[in-house]
Amino acid sequence: MLRSVRDDDLPVMRRWRNHPRVRAASFTTHEISEGEHARWWESTRADARKLVLIYDHEEAAAGVVTYSGLSSESATWGFYLDLDGLEQSGELLRVWVGLERAAIEYAFGPLGLTTLRGEVLACNEVALRLHRRFGFVEAGTYRRDVDGVSRDVVTIRLRKEHS
């Protein structure tokens, strides 16, 4: 279900990431240009502490999973989905749950991590509820500048033994 990013995934990834609701739930809310996206991808591919994967649902790309700060024990993860396509098909919740399950299994399986972390804007209660459903616990909160606005961020954590 999770696979490496192919070159032909890049335009779709940028389109999904630029969806207004994805931007609103992200730490970078401006629309990402093609050049900015290309520079990000080149930097990410060259960074051994980062990994980006595509989540396929029924043999079609449906979301992106990111791991950053990768070490032998832990990483911070994030994701975004093809909101328009999945809402149109009625598959959004099913794919979101499947992506979260796959990301956790990948972290504790092939990556060999013992702790998976995340950060969620405090106002994103829907995402926080789903993460709790998978066993994530809130580890703390902090304030972060998001495009010039100070926002509350909830840090979450899942340990392998609790997954």
Protein backbone atom coordinates (compact mmCIF):
# COMPACT_ATOMS: atom_id res chain seq x y z
CA MET A 1 0.00 0.00 0.00
CA LEU A 2 2.93 2.38 0.60
CA ARG A 3 5.41 2.75 -2.25
CA SER A 4 8.22 4.95 -3.43
CA VAL A 5 7.41 8.21 -5.18
CA ARG A 6 7.75 8.09 -8.97
CA ASP A 7 8.49 11.16 -11.08
CA ASP A 8 4.96 11.11 -12.49
CA ASP A 9 3.58 11.38 -8.93
CA LEU A 10 5.10 14.82 -8.37
CA PRO A 11 2.47 16.97 -10.15
CA VAL A 12 -0.36 15.12 -8.40
CA MET A 13 1.37 15.44 -5.02
CA ARG A 14 1.64 19.20 -5.49
CA ARG A 15 -2.01 19.49 -6.56
CA TRP A 16 -3.14 17.54 -3.48
CA ARG A 17 -0.85 19.58 -1.20
CA ASN A 18 -2.23 22.83 -2.64
CA HIS A 19 -5.85 21.91 -1.89
CA PRO A 20 -7.23 24.73 0.29
CA ARG A 21 -8.21 22.38 3.14
CA VAL A 22 -4.82 20.63 3.11
CA ARG A 23 -3.05 24.00 3.19
CA ALA A 24 -5.30 25.16 6.07
CA ALA A 25 -4.25 22.13 8.15
CA SER A 26 -0.55 22.52 7.32
CA PHE A 27 2.33 24.51 8.77
CA THR A 28 2.87 26.15 5.37
CA THR A 29 -0.38 27.58 4.07
CA HIS A 30 0.62 29.39 0.87
CA GLU A 31 0.11 27.80 -2.52
CA ILE A 32 3.27 25.94 -3.47
CA SER A 33 4.68 26.77 -6.89
CA GLU A 34 6.07 24.18 -9.27
CA GLY A 35 9.60 25.51 -8.68
CA GLU A 36 9.25 25.43 -4.90
CA HIS A 37 7.88 21.90 -5.08
CA ALA A 38 10.78 20.77 -7.29
CA ARG A 39 13.34 22.30 -4.90
CA TRP A 40 11.62 20.62 -1.92
CA TRP A 41 11.64 17.26 -3.68
CA GLU A 42 15.34 17.48 -4.61
CA SER A 43 16.24 18.41 -1.03
CA THR A 44 14.02 15.69 0.44
CA ARG A 45 15.38 12.96 -1.84
CA ALA A 46 18.93 13.84 -0.81
CA ASP A 47 18.17 13.83 2.95
CA ALA A 48 18.63 10.42 4.61
CA ARG A 49 16.55 11.63 7.57
CA LYS A 50 13.47 12.10 5.35
CA LEU A 51 11.29 9.65 3.49
CA VAL A 52 8.22 10.36 1.37
CA LEU A 53 5.94 7.56 0.19
CA ILE A 54 2.74 7.30 -1.84
CA TYR A 55 -0.27 5.52 -0.39
CA ASP A 56 -2.09 3.52 -3.06
CA HIS A 57 -5.73 2.58 -2.58
CA GLU A 58 -7.14 0.00 -4.99
CA GLU A 59 -4.08 0.46 -7.23
CA ALA A 60 -4.46 4.25 -7.48
CA ALA A 61 -2.43 6.92 -5.72
CA ALA A 62 -4.57 8.41 -2.95
CA GLY A 63 -2.23 10.08 -0.45
CA VAL A 64 1.25 11.02 0.65
CA VAL A 65 3.03 9.90 3.83
CA THR A 66 6.10 11.74 5.08
CA TYR A 67 8.63 10.70 7.71
CA SER A 68 11.16 13.27 8.91
CA GLY A 69 13.82 13.35 11.58
CA LEU A 70 14.35 9.65 10.94
CA SER A 71 16.67 7.96 13.40
CA SER A 72 17.15 4.34 14.35
CA GLU A 73 14.40 4.72 16.97
CA SER A 74 11.96 7.46 15.99
CA ALA A 75 10.56 9.80 13.37
CA THR A 76 7.91 12.43 12.95
CA TRP A 77 5.25 11.66 10.39
CA GLY A 78 2.67 13.56 8.42
CA PHE A 79 0.33 12.97 5.53
CA TYR A 80 -2.13 14.47 3.10
CA LEU A 81 -4.76 12.99 0.84
CA ASP A 82 -6.40 13.47 -2.54
CA LEU A 83 -9.36 15.23 -0.92
CA ASP A 84 -11.26 16.04 -4.11
CA GLY A 85 -10.96 12.57 -5.64
CA LEU A 86 -11.70 10.71 -2.43
CA GLU A 87 -14.70 12.85 -1.52
CA GLN A 88 -16.09 12.42 -5.02
CA SER A 89 -15.76 8.64 -4.74
CA GLY A 90 -17.04 8.52 -1.15
CA GLU A 91 -13.81 6.84 -0.03
CA LEU A 92 -12.24 9.60 2.07
CA LEU A 93 -12.69 8.12 5.54
CA ARG A 94 -11.85 4.60 4.42
CA VAL A 95 -8.64 5.75 2.72
CA TRP A 96 -7.67 8.03 5.62
CA VAL A 97 -7.96 5.12 8.06
CA GLY A 98 -6.08 2.82 5.67
CA LEU A 99 -3.29 5.36 5.20
CA GLU A 100 -2.87 5.86 8.94
CA ARG A 101 -2.76 2.10 9.53
CA ALA A 102 -0.22 1.63 6.72
CA ALA A 103 1.98 4.50 7.97
CA ILE A 104 2.08 3.04 11.49
CA GLU A 105 2.81 -0.47 10.24
CA TYR A 106 5.59 0.84 7.99
CA ALA A 107 7.13 2.85 10.81
CA PHE A 108 7.22 -0.08 13.22
CA GLY A 109 7.91 -2.69 10.54
CA PRO A 110 10.31 -1.84 7.69
CA LEU A 111 11.65 1.33 9.35
CA GLY A 112 12.17 -0.48 12.67
CA LEU A 113 11.12 2.49 14.79
CA THR A 114 10.05 2.29 18.43
CA THR A 115 8.36 5.72 18.56
CA LEU A 116 6.31 7.59 15.98
CA ARG A 117 5.61 11.28 16.55
CA GLY A 118 3.41 13.84 14.91
CA GLU A 119 2.31 17.44 15.16
CA VAL A 120 -1.26 18.62 14.59
CA LEU A 121 -2.74 22.08 14.67
CA ALA A 122 -4.88 22.17 17.82
CA CYS A 123 -7.89 23.34 15.81
CA ASN A 124 -7.78 20.13 13.70
CA GLU A 125 -9.94 18.10 16.07
CA VAL A 126 -10.92 15.59 13.36
CA ALA A 127 -7.28 14.58 12.83
CA LEU A 128 -6.61 14.47 16.58
CA ARG A 129 -9.60 12.15 17.09
CA LEU A 130 -8.41 9.76 14.39
CA HIS A 131 -4.88 9.70 15.78
CA ARG A 132 -6.27 8.90 19.25
CA ARG A 133 -8.27 6.06 17.71
CA PHE A 134 -4.95 4.55 16.58
CA GLY A 135 -3.41 4.85 20.03
CA PHE A 136 -1.53 8.14 19.72
CA VAL A 137 -1.36 10.11 22.94
CA GLU A 138 -0.96 13.83 23.29
CA ALA A 139 2.58 14.51 24.46
CA GLY A 140 2.34 18.29 24.77
CA THR A 141 1.44 21.56 23.13
CA TYR A 142 3.39 24.55 21.93
CA ARG A 143 2.88 27.74 19.91
CA ARG A 144 4.24 27.93 16.38
CA ASP A 145 4.31 30.64 13.78
CA VAL A 146 2.29 29.52 10.75
CA ASP A 147 2.73 32.04 7.95
CA GLY A 148 2.83 34.95 10.38
CA VAL A 149 0.10 33.75 12.75
CA SER A 150 0.85 32.18 16.14
CA ARG A 151 -1.00 28.85 16.33
CA ASP A 152 -1.38 26.14 18.98
CA VAL A 153 0.17 22.80 17.99
CA VAL A 154 -0.44 19.45 19.70
CA THR A 155 2.41 16.96 19.68
CA ILE A 156 1.37 13.32 19.54
CA ARG A 157 3.29 10.12 20.13
CA LEU A 158 2.75 6.40 19.59
CA ARG A 159 5.10 3.78 20.96
CA LYS A 160 5.48 0.46 19.17
CA GLU A 161 4.31 -1.51 22.20
CA HIS A 162 1.03 0.47 22.20
CA SER A 163 0.27 0.14 18.50
